[in-house]
C-alpha atoms as a PDB file:
ATOM      1  CA  MET A   1     152.228 -21.780 -63.883  1.00  0.00           C
ATOM      2  CA  TYR A   2     152.352 -21.849 -60.822  1.00  0.00           C
ATOM      3  CA  ASP A   3     149.833 -19.794 -59.572  1.00  0.00           C
ATOM      4  CA  GLY A   4     147.163 -21.065 -61.927  1.00  0.00           C
ATOM      5  CA  VAL A   5     147.703 -24.815 -60.692  1.00  0.00           C
ATOM      6  CA  LYS A   6     146.895 -23.399 -57.239  1.00  0.00           C
ATOM      7  CA  LYS A   7     143.052 -21.721 -58.462  1.00  0.00           C
ATOM      8  CA  ILE A   8     142.475 -24.610 -59.891  1.00  0.00           C
ATOM      9  CA  GLN A   9     143.682 -26.774 -57.044  1.00  0.00           C
ATOM     10  CA  LYS A  10     141.352 -24.279 -54.991  1.00  0.00           C
ATOM     11  CA  GLU A  11     138.186 -25.209 -57.699  1.00  0.00           C
ATOM     12  CA  PHE A  12     138.467 -28.657 -57.447  1.00  0.00           C
ATOM     13  CA  PRO A  13     140.132 -29.324 -54.044  1.00  0.00           C
ATOM     14  CA  LEU A  14     138.600 -33.009 -54.122  1.00  0.00           C
ATOM     15  CA  VAL A  15     140.296 -34.106 -57.269  1.00  0.00           C
ATOM     16  CA  PHE A  16     143.824 -32.534 -56.155  1.00  0.00           C
ATOM     17  CA  GLY A  17     142.846 -34.576 -52.582  1.00  0.00           C
ATOM     18  CA  GLY A  18     142.318 -30.962 -50.610  1.00  0.00           C
ATOM     19  CA  GLU A  19     144.071 -27.689 -50.692  1.00  0.00           C
ATOM     20  CA  ASN A  20     146.914 -28.128 -48.672  1.00  0.00           C
ATOM     21  CA  LYS A  21     148.375 -31.107 -50.824  1.00  0.00           C
ATOM     22  CA  ILE A  22     150.589 -29.978 -53.232  1.00  0.00           C
ATOM     23  CA  PRO A  23     149.903 -31.498 -57.074  1.00  0.00           C
ATOM     24  CA  VAL A  24     152.018 -31.762 -59.187  1.00  0.00           C
ATOM     25  CA  VAL A  25     150.998 -30.036 -62.381  1.00  0.00           C
ATOM     26  CA  LEU A  26     153.660 -29.242 -64.717  1.00  0.00           C
ATOM     27  CA  VAL A  27     152.424 -27.838 -67.518  1.00  0.00           C
ATOM     28  CA  GLY A  28     152.408 -24.736 -69.715  1.00  0.00           C
ATOM     29  CA  ASP A  29     149.682 -21.569 -69.707  1.00  0.00           C
ATOM     30  CA  GLY A  30     148.690 -22.717 -72.303  1.00  0.00           C
ATOM     31  CA  TRP A  31     147.372 -26.375 -70.996  1.00  0.00           C
ATOM     32  CA  LEU A  32     145.954 -24.909 -67.660  1.00  0.00           C
ATOM     33  CA  GLY A  33     142.697 -25.059 -69.483  1.00  0.00           C
ATOM     34  CA  LEU A  34     142.728 -28.960 -70.109  1.00  0.00           C
ATOM     35  CA  VAL A  35     143.452 -29.671 -67.065  1.00  0.00           C
ATOM     36  CA  ARG A  36     140.711 -27.496 -65.928  1.00  0.00           C
ATOM     37  CA  GLU A  37     138.410 -29.108 -67.937  1.00  0.00           C
ATOM     38  CA  LEU A  38     140.093 -32.374 -66.637  1.00  0.00           C
ATOM     39  CA  CYS A  39     138.798 -31.634 -63.165  1.00  0.00           C
ATOM     40  CA  ARG A  40     135.787 -30.139 -64.310  1.00  0.00           C
ATOM     41  CA  ARG A  41     134.678 -33.500 -66.020  1.00  0.00           C
ATOM     42  CA  LEU A  42     136.238 -35.939 -62.976  1.00  0.00           C
ATOM     43  CA  MET A  43     133.925 -34.605 -60.412  1.00  0.00           C
ATOM     44  CA  PRO A  44     130.463 -36.197 -61.083  1.00  0.00           C
ATOM     45  CA  LEU A  45     132.658 -39.510 -61.708  1.00  0.00           C
ATOM     46  CA  ILE A  46     134.734 -38.664 -58.477  1.00  0.00           C
ATOM     47  CA  GLU A  47     131.433 -38.532 -56.832  1.00  0.00           C
ATOM     48  CA  ASP A  48     129.812 -40.835 -57.829  1.00  0.00           C
ATOM     49  CA  THR A  49     132.977 -43.619 -57.109  1.00  0.00           C
ATOM     50  CA  ASP A  50     135.689 -43.990 -54.440  1.00  0.00           C
ATOM     51  CA  GLY A  51     136.967 -40.927 -55.911  1.00  0.00           C
ATOM     52  CA  VAL A  52     140.309 -40.701 -58.249  1.00  0.00           C
ATOM     53  CA  GLN A  53     143.213 -38.578 -57.967  1.00  0.00           C
ATOM     54  CA  PRO A  54     146.020 -37.461 -60.224  1.00  0.00           C
ATOM     55  CA  VAL A  55     149.107 -38.442 -58.983  1.00  0.00           C
ATOM     56  CA  GLU A  56     150.940 -36.684 -61.504  1.00  0.00           C
ATOM     57  CA  ILE A  57     150.043 -34.057 -65.096  1.00  0.00           C
ATOM     58  CA  ARG A  58     153.144 -33.729 -67.342  1.00  0.00           C
ATOM     59  CA  GLU A  59     154.320 -33.094 -70.474  1.00  0.00           C
ATOM     60  CA  GLU A  60     156.209 -36.274 -72.147  1.00  0.00           C
ATOM     61  CA  HIS A  61     156.876 -35.795 -76.142  1.00  0.00           C
ATOM     62  CA  GLY A  62     154.558 -33.112 -76.627  1.00  0.00           C
ATOM     63  CA  SER A  63     151.484 -34.270 -75.068  1.00  0.00           C
ATOM     64  CA  MET A  64     150.132 -34.307 -71.681  1.00  0.00           C
ATOM     65  CA  VAL A  65     150.766 -37.208 -69.682  1.00  0.00           C
ATOM     66  CA  ILE A  66     147.696 -38.021 -66.365  1.00  0.00           C
ATOM     67  CA  SER A  67     148.879 -40.332 -64.476  1.00  0.00           C
ATOM     68  CA  LEU A  68     145.516 -41.542 -62.078  1.00  0.00           C
ATOM     69  CA  SER A  69     143.735 -44.483 -61.695  1.00  0.00           C
ATOM     70  CA  GLY A  70     139.634 -44.848 -61.871  1.00  0.00           C
ATOM     71  CA  SER A  71     137.133 -46.370 -63.674  1.00  0.00           C
ATOM     72  CA  ARG A  72     136.590 -46.545 -67.333  1.00  0.00           C
ATOM     73  CA  PRO A  73     135.201 -43.154 -68.248  1.00  0.00           C
ATOM     74  CA  VAL A  74     137.698 -41.771 -66.353  1.00  0.00           C
ATOM     75  CA  VAL A  75     140.619 -43.365 -68.363  1.00  0.00           C
ATOM     76  CA  ASP A  76     138.615 -42.083 -71.568  1.00  0.00           C
ATOM     77  CA  LEU A  77     138.057 -38.759 -70.159  1.00  0.00           C
ATOM     78  CA  VAL A  78     142.177 -39.187 -69.940  1.00  0.00           C
ATOM     79  CA  ASP A  79     142.936 -40.532 -73.086  1.00  0.00           C
ATOM     80  CA  GLU A  80     140.783 -37.557 -74.407  1.00  0.00           C
ATOM     81  CA  ILE A  81     142.296 -34.742 -72.712  1.00  0.00           C
ATOM     82  CA  GLU A  82     145.653 -36.204 -73.449  1.00  0.00           C
ATOM     83  CA  GLY A  83     144.756 -36.463 -77.318  1.00  0.00           C
ATOM     84  CA  LYS A  84     143.678 -32.713 -76.611  1.00  0.00           C
ATOM     85  CA  SER A  85     146.945 -31.402 -75.725  1.00  0.00           C
ATOM     86  CA  SER A  86     148.849 -32.026 -78.854  1.00  0.00           C
ATOM     87  CA  GLU A  87     147.052 -29.750 -80.505  1.00  0.00           C
ATOM     88  CA  THR A  88     146.639 -27.343 -77.941  1.00  0.00           C
ATOM     89  CA  CYS A  89     149.585 -24.160 -77.778  1.00  0.00           C
ATOM     90  CA  TRP A  90     151.816 -24.646 -74.819  1.00  0.00           C
ATOM     91  CA  VAL A  91     151.999 -21.580 -74.415  1.00  0.00           C
ATOM     92  CA  CYS A  92     149.046 -19.921 -75.391  1.00  0.00           C
ATOM     93  CA  GLY A  93     146.113 -22.361 -75.232  1.00  0.00           C
ATOM     94  CA  TYR A  94     145.116 -21.980 -79.322  1.00  0.00           C
ATOM     95  CA  GLU A  95     145.054 -24.675 -81.414  1.00  0.00           C
ATOM     96  CA  GLY A  96     148.683 -25.560 -82.362  1.00  0.00           C
ATOM     97  CA  ARG A  97     150.342 -28.727 -83.439  1.00  0.00           C
ATOM     98  CA  VAL A  98     154.179 -30.300 -81.686  1.00  0.00           C
ATOM     99  CA  ARG A  99     157.193 -28.911 -83.354  1.00  0.00           C
ATOM    100  CA  PHE A 100     159.476 -31.792 -83.433  1.00  0.00           C
ATOM    101  CA  ASP A 101     162.139 -29.417 -84.771  1.00  0.00           C
ATOM    102  CA  LEU A 102     163.174 -27.962 -81.728  1.00  0.00           C
ATOM    103  CA  THR A 103     165.129 -28.473 -79.028  1.00  0.00           C
ATOM    104  CA  HIS A 104     162.013 -29.702 -76.897  1.00  0.00           C
ATOM    105  CA  PRO A 105     159.010 -31.080 -79.099  1.00  0.00           C
ATOM    106  CA  ARG A 106     156.134 -28.893 -78.051  1.00  0.00           C
ATOM    107  CA  PRO A 107     152.813 -28.102 -79.392  1.00  0.00           C
ATOM    108  CA  TYR A 108     153.135 -24.591 -80.279  1.00  0.00           C
ATOM    109  CA  CYS A 109     150.383 -22.042 -82.096  1.00  0.00           C
ATOM    110  CA  ASP A 110     152.479 -20.373 -85.240  1.00  0.00           C
ATOM    111  CA  LYS A 111     153.288 -17.165 -83.197  1.00  0.00           C
ATOM    112  CA  HIS A 112     154.841 -19.028 -80.596  1.00  0.00           C
ATOM    113  CA  TYR A 113     156.393 -21.399 -82.906  1.00  0.00           C
ATOM    114  CA  ILE A 114     158.616 -18.805 -83.900  1.00  0.00           C
ATOM    115  CA  ASP A 115     158.646 -17.054 -80.853  1.00  0.00           C
ATOM    116  CA  THR A 116     160.140 -20.079 -79.537  1.00  0.00           C
ATOM    117  CA  ILE A 117     163.010 -20.367 -82.843  1.00  0.00           C
ATOM    118  CA  ASP A 118     164.149 -16.877 -82.374  1.00  0.00           C
ATOM    119  CA  LYS A 119     164.669 -17.897 -78.377  1.00  0.00           C
ATOM    120  CA  GLN A 120     166.496 -20.730 -79.545  1.00  0.00           C
ATOM    121  CA  LEU A 121     168.584 -19.151 -82.442  1.00  0.00           C
ATOM    122  CA  ALA A 122     169.397 -16.979 -79.950  1.00  0.00           C
ATOM    123  CA  LYS A 123     170.494 -18.779 -77.215  1.00  0.00           C
ATOM    124  CA  LYS A 124     172.227 -20.976 -80.560  1.00  0.00           C
ATOM    125  CA  VAL A 125     170.401 -24.361 -79.079  1.00  0.00           C
ATOM    126  CA  ILE A 126     168.106 -24.936 -82.112  1.00  0.00           C
ATOM    127  CA  ARG A 127     168.997 -28.203 -83.733  1.00  0.00           C
ATOM    128  CA  PHE A 128     168.482 -28.736 -87.309  1.00  0.00           C
ATOM    129  CA  PRO A 129     167.803 -32.138 -89.211  1.00  0.00           C
ATOM    130  CA  ASP A 130     170.878 -33.470 -90.956  1.00  0.00           C
ATOM    131  CA  PRO A 131     171.013 -33.208 -94.353  1.00  0.00           C
ATOM    132  CA  ILE A 132     170.003 -36.184 -96.503  1.00  0.00           C
ATOM    133  CA  THR A 133     173.064 -38.083 -97.745  1.00  0.00           C
END
């Protein structure tokens, strides 16, 4: 994950405040395409204004959370990318959906959902819903 973030930072240094600044991007590899799309689409908006700078890009409750300030077009772009994240596999970037039956709800495609269940069963950390009584 970290290598992918460093590549994006080198590709879009203006978005992250320069190549030497350590970005706070805490997302799975499958979401790096969305981070790259965000940066690519932010560039014209940054060049037309005083700029924006992501404070943090992370996952919360199965969706990407992007903390930054900017104009209305920036806010609309952030909303769009955050919306796409809940339908994008955390691991591979293919179409997925948030799986709430896991210990940490994240969007997964079917393959990575099954892989995650297998890992959680092996660790005995998977939770099952309480039976309806």
